[in-house]
Amino acid sequence: MKLIDSIVADAASIVAMRRDIHAHPELCFQEERTADVIAKALQGWGIPVHRGLGKTGVVGIVKNGTSHRAVGLRADIDALPMTEHNHFAHASRHTGKMHACGHDGHTAMLLAAARHLAKHRHFDGTVVLVFQPAEEGGGGAREMMKDGLFERFPMEAIFGAHNWPGMAVGQFALREGPVFASSNEFKITIRGKGAHGAMPHNGIDPVPAACQMVQAFQTIISRNKRPLDTGVISVTMIHTGEVTNVIPEACVMEGTVRTFTTAVLDLIEQRMKTIAEATCAAFECRCEFEFVRNYPPTVNHKAETEFARKLLGDVVGQDNVLEFEPTMGAEDFSYFLQGKPGCYFLIGNGDGSHREGGHGMGPCMLHNPSYDFNDDLIPLGATAWVRLAEAWLAQPRSA
């Protein structure tokens, strides 16, 4: 690996910042302390700071030379609403809040890159440092765009990265096209007529309608959608009834739908609504159908993906730049990629052996109470960010 010496030398201080952020997790749009830590560090390095985009977002601007060209680098800063099982010194101090996805590490990598860029400035143009709130369900990227991110800070392209447990430290992965799925939620309320459980003929039972509906939804995947298209329908909650001998008046079903394209999402939503309403009618129930589209699919642009692939290969060797297998998880960097060309790639977080004594016994996987970010990634991720920004601003504009 071709790490930048000054970043390696400064790694210990950035690790301390990362662990401080980990110990004080904040949920979406509540990242006041985290934003303060980021802004104070950037300002201390002479980087102008802009706050308030997406409520708690922070944008740092590093300029050099006379070029009007600019490139954006993004890190997410929010935590998850879950309780940490680790007991090492930097474990969360707030029950029910945890950096279980590594956003503290993403922030640290970008801060380390910012420090080097501000000190050395081996580029001609502008690097826009985007510290984005509320990735975990709040759509912070969308909100930063609503507040004028791309208008106030024009950039040619934007890049983002996520740590990936199970992939070795020193490896990256990426691909062009869809890499993360759209995230969508549904809620279906089936209204029948309550009755005694021993006298079902006196009521209209919503439970059989719900059971039929769950099975029928899977025929959308197997019989309505093209086999080559990707889609997931998961009914994850069914709430009904209060006592064993009473037929309930209503049953509520909720769940998630994931797709890589809007066309498949349109098909699934339309078919789910038709099946839900027709099934309820067949069982003489009333149907209330709600479908909410959250994050769109994350789709990497071809030219920017190939640029990142070559750049990352220069840092770790092309053999360590892998082809990313798309996941049905979701990522709100998707909004940025709808507004600007760019690429979202993965950086290996290792197998979990980096965790200190006092960690939980579960695997070091994302959204797991025993997770912790691997601090060995900080010099590597920061080096990648610096080299990416320098190379982007050095290439011909038409490239």
Protein backbone atom coordinates (compact mmCIF):
# COMPACT_ATOMS: atom_id res chain seq x y z
CA MET A 1 0.00 0.00 0.00
CA LYS A 2 1.23 3.48 -0.87
CA LEU A 3 0.19 5.44 2.20
CA ILE A 4 0.95 9.12 2.63
CA ASP A 5 3.61 9.53 5.33
CA SER A 6 2.11 12.62 6.97
CA ILE A 7 -1.27 10.93 7.29
CA VAL A 8 0.34 7.90 8.93
CA ALA A 9 2.24 10.22 11.31
CA ASP A 10 -1.00 11.99 12.32
CA ALA A 11 -3.07 8.81 12.60
CA ALA A 12 -3.04 8.57 16.40
CA SER A 13 -4.70 11.97 16.87
CA ILE A 14 -7.38 11.13 14.29
CA VAL A 15 -7.99 7.76 15.95
CA ALA A 16 -8.59 9.62 19.22
CA MET A 17 -11.17 11.82 17.47
CA ARG A 18 -12.85 8.77 15.97
CA ARG A 19 -13.14 7.09 19.34
CA ASP A 20 -14.46 10.25 20.94
CA ILE A 21 -17.19 10.42 18.28
CA HIS A 22 -17.91 6.71 18.79
CA ALA A 23 -18.35 7.26 22.52
CA HIS A 24 -20.84 10.09 21.92
CA PRO A 25 -23.19 8.82 19.17
CA GLU A 26 -26.01 11.01 17.92
CA LEU A 27 -29.03 10.02 15.84
CA CYS A 28 -30.19 11.53 12.57
CA PHE A 29 -30.57 15.32 12.57
CA GLN A 30 -29.38 15.39 16.21
CA GLU A 31 -25.65 15.41 15.43
CA GLU A 32 -24.93 18.72 17.17
CA ARG A 33 -21.90 17.61 19.18
CA THR A 34 -20.50 15.61 16.28
CA ALA A 35 -20.86 18.62 13.98
CA ASP A 36 -19.11 20.78 16.57
CA VAL A 37 -16.17 18.36 16.73
CA ILE A 38 -15.88 18.29 12.94
CA ALA A 39 -16.18 22.06 12.52
CA LYS A 40 -13.66 22.79 15.29
CA ALA A 41 -11.11 20.43 13.72
CA LEU A 42 -11.55 21.87 10.22
CA GLN A 43 -11.31 25.44 11.43
CA GLY A 44 -8.20 24.57 13.42
CA TRP A 45 -6.58 23.44 10.19
CA GLY A 46 -7.51 26.67 8.44
CA ILE A 47 -10.44 25.24 6.48
CA PRO A 48 -13.49 27.50 6.01
CA VAL A 49 -16.61 25.82 7.37
CA HIS A 50 -20.29 26.14 6.41
CA ARG A 51 -22.92 24.72 8.73
CA GLY A 52 -26.65 24.13 8.74
CA LEU A 53 -27.11 22.31 5.43
CA GLY A 54 -29.47 19.45 6.15
CA LYS A 55 -29.87 20.95 9.65
CA THR A 56 -26.69 19.47 11.16
CA GLY A 57 -24.46 19.00 8.11
CA VAL A 58 -20.98 20.47 7.84
CA VAL A 59 -19.19 21.48 4.64
CA GLY A 60 -15.49 22.33 4.53
CA ILE A 61 -13.83 24.04 1.58
CA VAL A 62 -10.16 23.53 0.72
CA LYS A 63 -8.97 25.72 -2.17
CA ASN A 64 -5.66 26.15 -3.92
CA GLY A 65 -4.52 27.86 -7.11
CA THR A 66 -6.71 29.58 -9.65
CA SER A 67 -8.75 26.76 -11.15
CA HIS A 68 -12.54 26.87 -10.82
CA ARG A 69 -12.76 23.09 -10.87
CA ALA A 70 -14.08 21.26 -7.80
CA VAL A 71 -14.71 17.73 -6.56
CA GLY A 72 -16.80 16.57 -3.59
CA LEU A 73 -15.89 13.95 -0.96
CA ARG A 74 -18.61 12.75 1.43
CA ALA A 75 -18.71 11.12 4.87
CA ASP A 76 -21.85 10.34 6.88
CA ILE A 77 -21.87 11.28 10.58
CA ASP A 78 -24.97 9.83 12.31
CA ALA A 79 -25.39 6.79 14.56
CA LEU A 80 -28.06 4.10 14.94
CA PRO A 81 -30.83 3.74 17.55
CA MET A 82 -29.45 0.57 19.17
CA THR A 83 -27.61 -0.35 22.36
CA GLU A 84 -23.92 -1.23 22.13
CA HIS A 85 -22.70 -4.54 23.62
CA ASN A 86 -19.01 -3.59 23.63
CA HIS A 87 -17.33 -2.59 26.89
CA PHE A 88 -14.02 -1.09 25.79
CA ALA A 89 -13.08 2.45 26.79
CA HIS A 90 -14.62 4.18 23.77
CA ALA A 91 -17.95 2.29 23.83
CA SER A 92 -21.11 4.37 23.58
CA ARG A 93 -21.97 6.36 26.69
CA HIS A 94 -25.61 6.67 25.63
CA THR A 95 -27.91 3.67 25.96
CA GLY A 96 -29.92 3.14 22.80
CA LYS A 97 -27.45 4.95 20.55
CA MET A 98 -24.44 3.40 18.80
CA HIS A 99 -22.09 3.90 15.90
CA ALA A 100 -22.80 0.41 14.58
CA CYS A 101 -22.26 1.22 10.91
CA GLY A 102 -18.87 2.92 11.02
CA HIS A 103 -19.94 6.47 10.28
CA ASP A 104 -17.51 7.57 13.01
CA GLY A 105 -14.76 5.94 10.94
CA HIS A 106 -15.97 7.47 7.68
CA THR A 107 -15.84 10.88 9.39
CA ALA A 108 -12.34 10.18 10.71
CA MET A 109 -10.99 9.16 7.30
CA LEU A 110 -12.30 12.34 5.70
CA LEU A 111 -10.97 14.48 8.56
CA ALA A 112 -7.53 12.93 8.14
CA ALA A 113 -7.67 13.69 4.42
CA ALA A 114 -8.83 17.24 5.13
CA ARG A 115 -5.89 17.84 7.45
CA HIS A 116 -3.40 16.73 4.81
CA LEU A 117 -5.08 18.62 1.98
CA ALA A 118 -5.13 21.84 4.01
CA LYS A 119 -1.48 21.51 4.98
CA HIS A 120 0.02 20.49 1.63
CA ARG A 121 -2.44 21.65 -1.09
CA HIS A 122 -0.85 19.73 -3.97
CA PHE A 123 -3.75 20.50 -6.29
CA ASP A 124 -5.26 23.32 -8.32
CA GLY A 125 -8.96 23.80 -7.62
CA THR A 126 -11.39 23.11 -4.77
CA VAL A 127 -12.08 20.07 -2.63
CA VAL A 128 -15.56 20.15 -1.06
CA LEU A 129 -15.66 18.13 2.16
CA VAL A 130 -19.27 17.00 2.79
CA PHE A 131 -20.02 15.73 6.30
CA GLN A 132 -23.60 14.54 5.89
CA PRO A 133 -26.13 13.92 8.69
CA ALA A 134 -29.02 11.48 8.84
CA GLU A 135 -28.00 8.71 6.48
CA GLU A 136 -29.73 6.12 8.68
CA GLY A 137 -33.28 6.73 7.52
CA GLY A 138 -33.44 10.51 7.58
CA GLY A 139 -32.40 11.25 4.01
CA GLY A 140 -29.73 13.73 5.03
CA ALA A 141 -28.26 13.81 1.52
CA ARG A 142 -31.62 14.89 0.12
CA GLU A 143 -31.95 17.56 2.79
CA MET A 144 -28.48 18.95 2.11
CA MET A 145 -29.41 19.20 -1.56
CA LYS A 146 -32.65 20.99 -0.67
CA ASP A 147 -30.52 23.50 1.26
CA GLY A 148 -28.48 24.20 -1.87
CA LEU A 149 -25.41 21.99 -1.50
CA PHE A 150 -24.67 21.75 -5.22
CA GLU A 151 -25.68 25.34 -5.96
CA ARG A 152 -23.63 26.88 -3.16
CA PHE A 153 -20.64 24.59 -3.72
CA PRO A 154 -20.52 23.68 -7.42
CA MET A 155 -18.62 20.45 -8.05
CA GLU A 156 -18.06 18.31 -11.11
CA ALA A 157 -18.48 15.01 -9.29
CA ILE A 158 -18.91 13.55 -5.82
CA PHE A 159 -17.48 10.39 -4.27
CA GLY A 160 -18.39 8.41 -1.16
CA ALA A 161 -17.16 5.28 0.61
CA HIS A 162 -18.39 2.75 3.17
CA ASN A 163 -16.44 0.28 5.28
CA TRP A 164 -17.27 -3.36 4.60
CA PRO A 165 -16.75 -6.06 7.26
CA GLY A 166 -15.49 -9.37 5.92
CA MET A 167 -13.43 -7.73 3.19
CA ALA A 168 -9.73 -7.55 4.01
CA VAL A 169 -8.05 -4.33 5.08
CA GLY A 170 -6.14 -3.11 2.04
CA GLN A 171 -8.92 -4.00 -0.38
CA PHE A 172 -11.54 -1.85 -2.10
CA ALA A 173 -14.59 -2.89 -4.10
CA LEU A 174 -16.75 -1.04 -6.61
CA ARG A 175 -18.72 -1.40 -9.83
CA GLU A 176 -20.62 0.80 -12.22
CA GLY A 177 -24.40 0.80 -12.29
CA PRO A 178 -26.69 -0.14 -9.37
CA VAL A 179 -24.82 -1.07 -6.18
CA PHE A 180 -27.43 -0.45 -3.45
CA ALA A 181 -31.17 -0.88 -3.81
CA SER A 182 -34.05 1.52 -3.35
CA SER A 183 -35.63 1.41 0.10
CA ASN A 184 -39.42 1.55 0.41
CA GLU A 185 -42.01 0.81 3.09
CA PHE A 186 -45.59 -0.37 2.99
CA LYS A 187 -48.40 -0.52 5.54
CA ILE A 188 -51.63 -2.37 4.83
CA THR A 189 -54.55 -2.20 7.22
CA ILE A 190 -57.16 -4.92 6.75
CA ARG A 191 -60.44 -4.05 8.44
CA GLY A 192 -62.98 -6.78 9.17
CA LYS A 193 -65.59 -7.30 11.90
CA GLY A 194 -64.79 -8.61 15.35
CA ALA A 195 -66.52 -11.66 16.79
CA HIS A 196 -66.18 -14.43 19.34
CA GLY A 197 -63.49 -16.91 18.32
CA ALA A 198 -65.97 -19.76 18.76
CA MET A 199 -68.51 -18.07 16.47
CA PRO A 200 -66.53 -16.89 13.43
CA HIS A 201 -69.61 -16.74 11.23
CA ASN A 202 -70.75 -13.67 13.16
CA GLY A 203 -67.69 -11.67 12.14
CA ILE A 204 -65.35 -10.95 9.23
CA ASP A 205 -61.89 -12.27 10.06
CA PRO A 206 -59.02 -10.14 8.68
CA VAL A 207 -56.35 -12.71 9.58
CA PRO A 208 -57.01 -15.18 6.69
CA ALA A 209 -56.94 -12.23 4.30
CA ALA A 210 -53.53 -11.22 5.67
CA CYS A 211 -52.20 -14.77 5.34
CA GLN A 212 -53.41 -15.01 1.76
CA MET A 213 -51.89 -11.62 0.98
CA VAL A 214 -48.42 -12.53 2.28
CA GLN A 215 -48.27 -15.54 -0.02
CA ALA A 216 -49.72 -13.70 -2.99
CA PHE A 217 -47.15 -10.92 -2.79
CA GLN A 218 -44.38 -13.40 -3.58
CA THR A 219 -46.03 -14.20 -6.91
CA ILE A 220 -45.18 -10.65 -7.95
CA ILE A 221 -41.51 -11.59 -7.62
CA SER A 222 -41.87 -14.99 -9.25
CA ARG A 223 -44.56 -14.33 -11.88
CA ASN A 224 -44.96 -10.61 -12.64
CA LYS A 225 -41.39 -9.35 -12.56
CA ARG A 226 -38.91 -10.36 -15.26
CA PRO A 227 -36.64 -13.11 -13.88
CA LEU A 228 -33.55 -11.03 -14.76
CA ASP A 229 -34.78 -8.03 -12.77
CA THR A 230 -34.10 -7.84 -9.05
CA GLY A 231 -36.72 -7.20 -6.39
CA VAL A 232 -37.51 -8.09 -2.79
CA ILE A 233 -40.84 -7.95 -0.92
CA SER A 234 -40.54 -8.68 2.79
CA VAL A 235 -43.52 -8.60 5.14
CA THR A 236 -41.73 -7.99 8.43
CA MET A 237 -44.55 -7.10 10.84
CA ILE A 238 -48.10 -8.38 11.36
CA HIS A 239 -50.05 -6.89 14.27
CA THR A 240 -53.50 -8.15 15.21
CA GLY A 241 -55.57 -9.43 18.09
CA GLU A 242 -55.44 -9.08 21.87
CA VAL A 243 -56.80 -12.35 23.23
CA THR A 244 -57.03 -15.95 22.01
CA ASN A 245 -60.82 -16.25 21.87
CA VAL A 246 -61.62 -13.03 20.00
CA ILE A 247 -61.52 -12.53 16.24
CA PRO A 248 -59.91 -9.10 15.79
CA GLU A 249 -61.52 -6.25 13.90
CA ALA A 250 -58.31 -5.30 12.08
CA CYS A 251 -54.92 -6.60 11.06
CA VAL A 252 -51.94 -4.38 10.14
CA MET A 253 -49.13 -5.62 7.89
CA GLU A 254 -45.89 -3.73 7.32
CA GLY A 255 -42.66 -4.39 5.51
CA THR A 256 -40.11 -3.31 2.95
CA VAL A 257 -39.64 -3.43 -0.82
CA ARG A 258 -36.21 -3.23 -2.48
CA THR A 259 -35.39 -2.82 -6.19
CA PHE A 260 -32.56 -1.59 -8.39
CA THR A 261 -34.78 0.27 -10.86
CA THR A 262 -37.77 2.58 -10.69
CA ALA A 263 -39.58 0.54 -13.35
CA VAL A 264 -39.52 -2.59 -11.20
CA LEU A 265 -40.56 -0.54 -8.18
CA ASP A 266 -43.53 0.89 -10.11
CA LEU A 267 -44.59 -2.64 -11.06
CA ILE A 268 -44.32 -3.99 -7.53
CA GLU A 269 -46.22 -1.12 -5.94
CA GLN A 270 -49.06 -1.34 -8.48
CA ARG A 271 -49.36 -5.13 -8.18
CA MET A 272 -49.22 -5.05 -4.36
CA LYS A 273 -52.04 -2.51 -4.27
CA THR A 274 -54.16 -4.55 -6.68
CA ILE A 275 -53.58 -7.79 -4.76
CA ALA A 276 -54.22 -6.16 -1.39
CA GLU A 277 -57.49 -4.55 -2.46
CA ALA A 278 -58.74 -7.60 -4.37
CA THR A 279 -57.86 -9.99 -1.55
CA CYS A 280 -59.66 -7.83 0.98
CA ALA A 281 -62.69 -7.66 -1.31
CA ALA A 282 -62.68 -11.44 -1.67
CA PHE A 283 -62.72 -11.82 2.12
CA GLU A 284 -65.32 -9.02 2.50
CA CYS A 285 -62.79 -6.82 4.31
CA ARG A 286 -61.88 -3.18 3.72
CA CYS A 287 -58.35 -2.27 2.68
CA GLU A 288 -56.16 0.74 3.48
CA PHE A 289 -52.97 0.62 1.40
CA GLU A 290 -49.98 2.88 2.08
CA PHE A 291 -46.68 2.79 0.17
CA VAL A 292 -43.79 5.15 0.94
CA ARG A 293 -40.75 5.49 -1.28
CA ASN A 294 -37.67 6.31 0.80
CA TYR A 295 -34.20 6.07 -0.76
CA PRO A 296 -33.79 5.58 -4.53
CA PRO A 297 -31.27 3.02 -5.82
CA THR A 298 -27.60 3.98 -5.63
CA VAL A 299 -26.33 3.94 -9.22
CA ASN A 300 -22.63 4.58 -9.92
CA HIS A 301 -21.71 6.51 -13.06
CA LYS A 302 -19.44 4.75 -15.55
CA ALA A 303 -16.67 7.31 -16.08
CA GLU A 304 -16.35 8.17 -12.37
CA THR A 305 -16.31 4.48 -11.42
CA GLU A 306 -13.49 3.73 -13.84
CA PHE A 307 -11.61 6.78 -12.58
CA ALA A 308 -11.95 5.57 -8.98
CA ARG A 309 -11.01 2.01 -9.94
CA LYS A 310 -7.70 3.14 -11.46
CA LEU A 311 -6.95 5.56 -8.63
CA LEU A 312 -7.60 2.99 -5.90
CA GLY A 313 -5.50 0.49 -7.82
CA ASP A 314 -2.60 2.94 -7.75
CA VAL A 315 -2.90 3.02 -3.93
CA VAL A 316 -3.31 -0.70 -3.13
CA GLY A 317 -2.59 -2.50 -6.42
CA GLN A 318 -5.19 -3.42 -9.02
CA ASP A 319 -5.49 -6.97 -7.65
CA ASN A 320 -6.88 -5.49 -4.44
CA VAL A 321 -9.63 -3.56 -6.20
CA LEU A 322 -12.51 -6.03 -6.37
CA GLU A 323 -15.80 -6.11 -8.23
CA PHE A 324 -18.56 -5.27 -5.75
CA GLU A 325 -21.53 -7.61 -5.68
CA PRO A 326 -24.61 -5.36 -5.39
CA THR A 327 -26.58 -5.52 -2.16
CA MET A 328 -30.28 -4.99 -1.50
CA GLY A 329 -29.37 -2.70 1.37
CA ALA A 330 -29.96 1.02 0.79
CA GLU A 331 -27.79 4.14 0.98
CA ASP A 332 -28.85 7.76 0.70
CA PHE A 333 -25.71 8.69 -1.26
CA SER A 334 -28.14 7.73 -4.03
CA TYR A 335 -29.58 11.26 -3.88
CA PHE A 336 -26.15 12.80 -4.52
CA LEU A 337 -25.66 10.51 -7.52
CA GLN A 338 -28.98 11.69 -8.94
CA GLY A 339 -27.71 15.26 -8.79
CA LYS A 340 -24.07 14.78 -9.77
CA PRO A 341 -21.88 12.17 -11.47
CA GLY A 342 -19.91 10.09 -9.01
CA CYS A 343 -19.08 6.75 -7.47
CA TYR A 344 -19.74 5.03 -4.16
CA PHE A 345 -17.18 2.36 -3.24
CA LEU A 346 -16.31 0.02 -0.37
CA ILE A 347 -13.20 -0.20 1.81
CA GLY A 348 -12.45 -3.47 3.62
CA ASN A 349 -12.96 -3.41 7.41
CA GLY A 350 -11.39 -6.82 8.09
CA ASP A 351 -12.76 -9.82 9.95
CA GLY A 352 -13.25 -8.21 13.36
CA SER A 353 -9.96 -9.31 14.90
CA HIS A 354 -9.04 -5.63 15.40
CA ARG A 355 -11.50 -5.26 18.27
CA GLU A 356 -9.97 -4.78 21.71
CA GLY A 357 -10.74 -6.76 24.83
CA GLY A 358 -14.16 -5.85 26.11
CA HIS A 359 -15.96 -6.20 22.79
CA GLY A 360 -19.26 -8.04 22.57
CA MET A 361 -19.31 -11.66 21.53
CA GLY A 362 -21.26 -11.14 18.33
CA PRO A 363 -19.71 -10.74 14.87
CA CYS A 364 -18.20 -7.44 13.81
CA MET A 365 -20.85 -6.85 11.16
CA LEU A 366 -22.70 -3.67 10.25
CA HIS A 367 -25.76 -2.85 12.40
CA ASN A 368 -24.56 -5.34 15.02
CA PRO A 369 -24.24 -4.36 18.72
CA SER A 370 -20.72 -5.83 18.80
CA TYR A 371 -19.43 -3.87 15.79
CA ASP A 372 -16.50 -1.45 15.89
CA PHE A 373 -14.73 0.41 13.08
CA ASN A 374 -11.19 -0.73 12.30
CA ASP A 375 -8.84 2.19 12.96
CA ASP A 376 -6.23 0.68 10.61
CA LEU A 377 -8.44 1.96 7.78
CA ILE A 378 -7.95 5.62 8.66
CA PRO A 379 -4.54 6.16 6.96
CA LEU A 380 -5.62 4.08 3.97
CA GLY A 381 -8.99 5.75 3.52
CA ALA A 382 -7.50 9.21 3.98
CA THR A 383 -4.75 8.46 1.49
CA ALA A 384 -7.35 7.31 -1.03
CA TRP A 385 -9.35 10.52 -0.55
CA VAL A 386 -6.30 12.74 -0.98
CA ARG A 387 -5.07 10.94 -4.08
CA LEU A 388 -8.56 10.89 -5.57
CA ALA A 389 -9.03 14.64 -5.11
CA GLU A 390 -5.56 15.44 -6.44
CA ALA A 391 -5.96 13.17 -9.48
CA TRP A 392 -9.46 14.42 -10.29
CA LEU A 393 -8.40 18.06 -10.27
CA ALA A 394 -5.25 17.26 -12.30
CA GLN A 395 -6.99 15.44 -15.15
CA PRO A 396 -8.22 17.30 -18.23
CA ARG A 397 -11.75 18.59 -17.69
CA SER A 398 -13.09 16.65 -20.67
CA ALA A 399 -11.80 13.34 -19.28
